[in-house]
Amino acid sequence: MVQSAQHSCEYCIYRANEFLLDERVAVQNLTDSEFEIQRESLMTDLAEKDMNMGEVHVRGWGQIAS
């Protein structure tokens, strides 16, 4: 869901679509080595254990929110 107190629904939809198109181009332009770096970074982040209850809380609520 995307909302704004300052902009119309149409503007929000337009900007969301522009973002998605820009990201598609960015992903398509990644070299194999750049993609591999991004993939390894994500895998490292996912494998990292929570260090304290605050991190457990943030991770849990992040999953609920998404």
N, C-alpha and C. Protein backbone atom coordinates (compact mmCIF):
# COMPACT_ATOMS: atom_id res chain seq x y z
N MET A 1 0.85 -1.16 0.00
CA MET A 1 0.00 0.00 0.00
C MET A 1 0.90 1.24 0.00
N VAL A 2 0.55 2.17 -0.84
CA VAL A 2 1.27 3.45 -0.91
C VAL A 2 0.26 4.55 -0.66
N GLN A 3 0.58 5.44 0.28
CA GLN A 3 -0.30 6.55 0.60
C GLN A 3 0.52 7.83 0.71
N SER A 4 -0.17 8.95 0.55
CA SER A 4 0.47 10.24 0.72
C SER A 4 -0.57 11.27 1.16
N ALA A 5 -0.17 12.09 2.11
CA ALA A 5 -1.04 13.19 2.53
C ALA A 5 -0.90 14.38 1.59
N GLN A 6 0.17 14.42 0.80
CA GLN A 6 0.42 15.57 -0.07
C GLN A 6 0.11 15.33 -1.55
N HIS A 7 0.05 14.06 -1.96
CA HIS A 7 -0.09 13.78 -3.40
C HIS A 7 -1.32 12.92 -3.67
N SER A 8 -1.79 13.01 -4.90
CA SER A 8 -2.98 12.25 -5.31
C SER A 8 -2.64 10.76 -5.47
N CYS A 9 -3.67 9.97 -5.54
CA CYS A 9 -3.52 8.54 -5.77
C CYS A 9 -2.83 8.28 -7.10
N GLU A 10 -3.22 9.02 -8.12
CA GLU A 10 -2.63 8.86 -9.45
C GLU A 10 -1.13 9.14 -9.43
N TYR A 11 -0.74 10.19 -8.69
CA TYR A 11 0.68 10.53 -8.59
C TYR A 11 1.45 9.41 -7.90
N CYS A 12 0.89 8.87 -6.82
CA CYS A 12 1.54 7.78 -6.09
C CYS A 12 1.72 6.56 -6.99
N ILE A 13 0.69 6.22 -7.75
CA ILE A 13 0.77 5.09 -8.68
C ILE A 13 1.84 5.35 -9.74
N TYR A 14 1.85 6.56 -10.28
CA TYR A 14 2.84 6.93 -11.29
C TYR A 14 4.26 6.78 -10.74
N ARG A 15 4.49 7.32 -9.54
CA ARG A 15 5.83 7.27 -8.95
C ARG A 15 6.24 5.83 -8.61
N ALA A 16 5.30 5.03 -8.13
CA ALA A 16 5.61 3.63 -7.83
C ALA A 16 5.99 2.89 -9.11
N ASN A 17 5.26 3.13 -10.18
CA ASN A 17 5.58 2.49 -11.46
C ASN A 17 6.92 2.97 -12.00
N GLU A 18 7.21 4.24 -11.85
CA GLU A 18 8.51 4.77 -12.29
C GLU A 18 9.65 4.10 -11.52
N PHE A 19 9.46 3.94 -10.22
CA PHE A 19 10.47 3.27 -9.39
C PHE A 19 10.69 1.84 -9.89
N LEU A 20 9.61 1.10 -10.12
CA LEU A 20 9.73 -0.28 -10.57
C LEU A 20 10.43 -0.37 -11.93
N LEU A 21 10.10 0.54 -12.83
CA LEU A 21 10.77 0.55 -14.13
C LEU A 21 12.25 0.86 -14.00
N ASP A 22 12.59 1.83 -13.16
CA ASP A 22 14.00 2.16 -12.92
C ASP A 22 14.76 0.97 -12.33
N GLU A 23 14.13 0.29 -11.39
CA GLU A 23 14.78 -0.87 -10.78
C GLU A 23 14.96 -2.00 -11.78
N ARG A 24 13.99 -2.20 -12.65
CA ARG A 24 14.11 -3.23 -13.68
C ARG A 24 15.33 -2.95 -14.56
N VAL A 25 15.49 -1.71 -14.96
CA VAL A 25 16.65 -1.33 -15.79
C VAL A 25 17.95 -1.56 -15.03
N ALA A 26 17.96 -1.18 -13.74
CA ALA A 26 19.16 -1.35 -12.93
C ALA A 26 19.53 -2.83 -12.82
N VAL A 27 18.56 -3.69 -12.61
CA VAL A 27 18.83 -5.12 -12.50
C VAL A 27 19.29 -5.69 -13.85
N GLN A 28 18.66 -5.26 -14.92
CA GLN A 28 19.04 -5.76 -16.24
C GLN A 28 20.46 -5.34 -16.60
N ASN A 29 20.92 -4.21 -16.07
CA ASN A 29 22.25 -3.71 -16.40
C ASN A 29 23.35 -4.22 -15.49
N LEU A 30 22.99 -5.03 -14.49
CA LEU A 30 24.01 -5.60 -13.61
C LEU A 30 24.88 -6.59 -14.39
N THR A 31 26.17 -6.50 -14.16
CA THR A 31 27.05 -7.51 -14.74
C THR A 31 26.93 -8.78 -13.88
N ASP A 32 27.44 -9.88 -14.40
CA ASP A 32 27.40 -11.13 -13.64
C ASP A 32 28.14 -10.99 -12.31
N SER A 33 29.27 -10.31 -12.32
CA SER A 33 30.04 -10.16 -11.08
C SER A 33 29.31 -9.24 -10.09
N GLU A 34 28.67 -8.19 -10.58
CA GLU A 34 27.90 -7.31 -9.68
C GLU A 34 26.71 -8.06 -9.09
N PHE A 35 26.06 -8.87 -9.90
CA PHE A 35 24.94 -9.67 -9.40
C PHE A 35 25.42 -10.65 -8.33
N GLU A 36 26.55 -11.27 -8.57
CA GLU A 36 27.09 -12.24 -7.61
C GLU A 36 27.43 -11.55 -6.29
N ILE A 37 27.97 -10.36 -6.36
CA ILE A 37 28.28 -9.60 -5.14
C ILE A 37 27.00 -9.31 -4.36
N GLN A 38 25.96 -8.88 -5.05
CA GLN A 38 24.68 -8.60 -4.40
C GLN A 38 24.08 -9.86 -3.79
N ARG A 39 24.16 -10.96 -4.52
CA ARG A 39 23.60 -12.23 -4.04
C ARG A 39 24.33 -12.70 -2.79
N GLU A 40 25.64 -12.64 -2.81
CA GLU A 40 26.43 -13.07 -1.65
C GLU A 40 26.16 -12.19 -0.44
N SER A 41 26.01 -10.89 -0.69
CA SER A 41 25.72 -9.97 0.40
C SER A 41 24.38 -10.30 1.06
N LEU A 42 23.37 -10.57 0.24
CA LEU A 42 22.06 -10.93 0.77
C LEU A 42 22.13 -12.24 1.54
N MET A 43 22.83 -13.21 1.01
CA MET A 43 22.95 -14.50 1.70
C MET A 43 23.65 -14.33 3.05
N THR A 44 24.64 -13.48 3.11
CA THR A 44 25.34 -13.20 4.38
C THR A 44 24.39 -12.56 5.38
N ASP A 45 23.61 -11.58 4.93
CA ASP A 45 22.65 -10.92 5.81
C ASP A 45 21.61 -11.91 6.33
N LEU A 46 21.11 -12.77 5.47
CA LEU A 46 20.09 -13.74 5.88
C LEU A 46 20.63 -14.78 6.85
N ALA A 47 21.89 -15.13 6.71
CA ALA A 47 22.50 -16.15 7.56
C ALA A 47 22.92 -15.61 8.92
N GLU A 48 23.02 -14.30 9.05
CA GLU A 48 23.50 -13.69 10.30
C GLU A 48 22.48 -13.89 11.41
N LYS A 49 22.97 -14.35 12.55
CA LYS A 49 22.11 -14.57 13.71
C LYS A 49 21.82 -13.24 14.40
N ASP A 50 20.64 -13.15 15.02
CA ASP A 50 20.29 -11.96 15.80
C ASP A 50 21.20 -11.89 17.02
N MET A 51 21.70 -10.69 17.33
CA MET A 51 22.63 -10.51 18.43
C MET A 51 21.92 -10.23 19.76
N ASN A 52 20.70 -9.70 19.71
CA ASN A 52 19.99 -9.37 20.93
C ASN A 52 18.49 -9.37 20.65
N MET A 53 17.71 -9.16 21.70
CA MET A 53 16.25 -9.19 21.57
C MET A 53 15.73 -8.05 20.69
N GLY A 54 16.43 -6.93 20.68
CA GLY A 54 16.04 -5.81 19.82
C GLY A 54 16.06 -6.20 18.36
N GLU A 55 17.08 -6.92 17.95
CA GLU A 55 17.18 -7.37 16.56
C GLU A 55 16.11 -8.40 16.24
N VAL A 56 15.81 -9.28 17.21
CA VAL A 56 14.74 -10.26 17.01
C VAL A 56 13.42 -9.51 16.80
N HIS A 57 13.19 -8.50 17.61
CA HIS A 57 11.96 -7.69 17.52
C HIS A 57 11.85 -7.01 16.15
N VAL A 58 12.90 -6.35 15.74
CA VAL A 58 12.90 -5.63 14.46
C VAL A 58 12.67 -6.59 13.30
N ARG A 59 13.35 -7.73 13.32
CA ARG A 59 13.19 -8.72 12.25
C ARG A 59 11.75 -9.25 12.21
N GLY A 60 11.23 -9.57 13.38
CA GLY A 60 9.88 -10.11 13.45
C GLY A 60 8.84 -9.13 12.95
N TRP A 61 8.91 -7.88 13.41
CA TRP A 61 7.95 -6.90 12.96
C TRP A 61 8.14 -6.54 11.50
N GLY A 62 9.36 -6.59 11.02
CA GLY A 62 9.60 -6.36 9.60
C GLY A 62 8.90 -7.40 8.74
N GLN A 63 8.93 -8.66 9.20
CA GLN A 63 8.27 -9.73 8.45
C GLN A 63 6.76 -9.57 8.51
N ILE A 64 6.25 -9.18 9.67
CA ILE A 64 4.81 -8.95 9.80
C ILE A 64 4.37 -7.80 8.90
N ALA A 65 5.14 -6.72 8.90
CA ALA A 65 4.77 -5.54 8.12
C ALA A 65 4.79 -5.81 6.62
N SER A 66 5.71 -6.65 6.18
CA SER A 66 5.80 -6.91 4.74
C SER A 66 4.82 -7.97 4.35
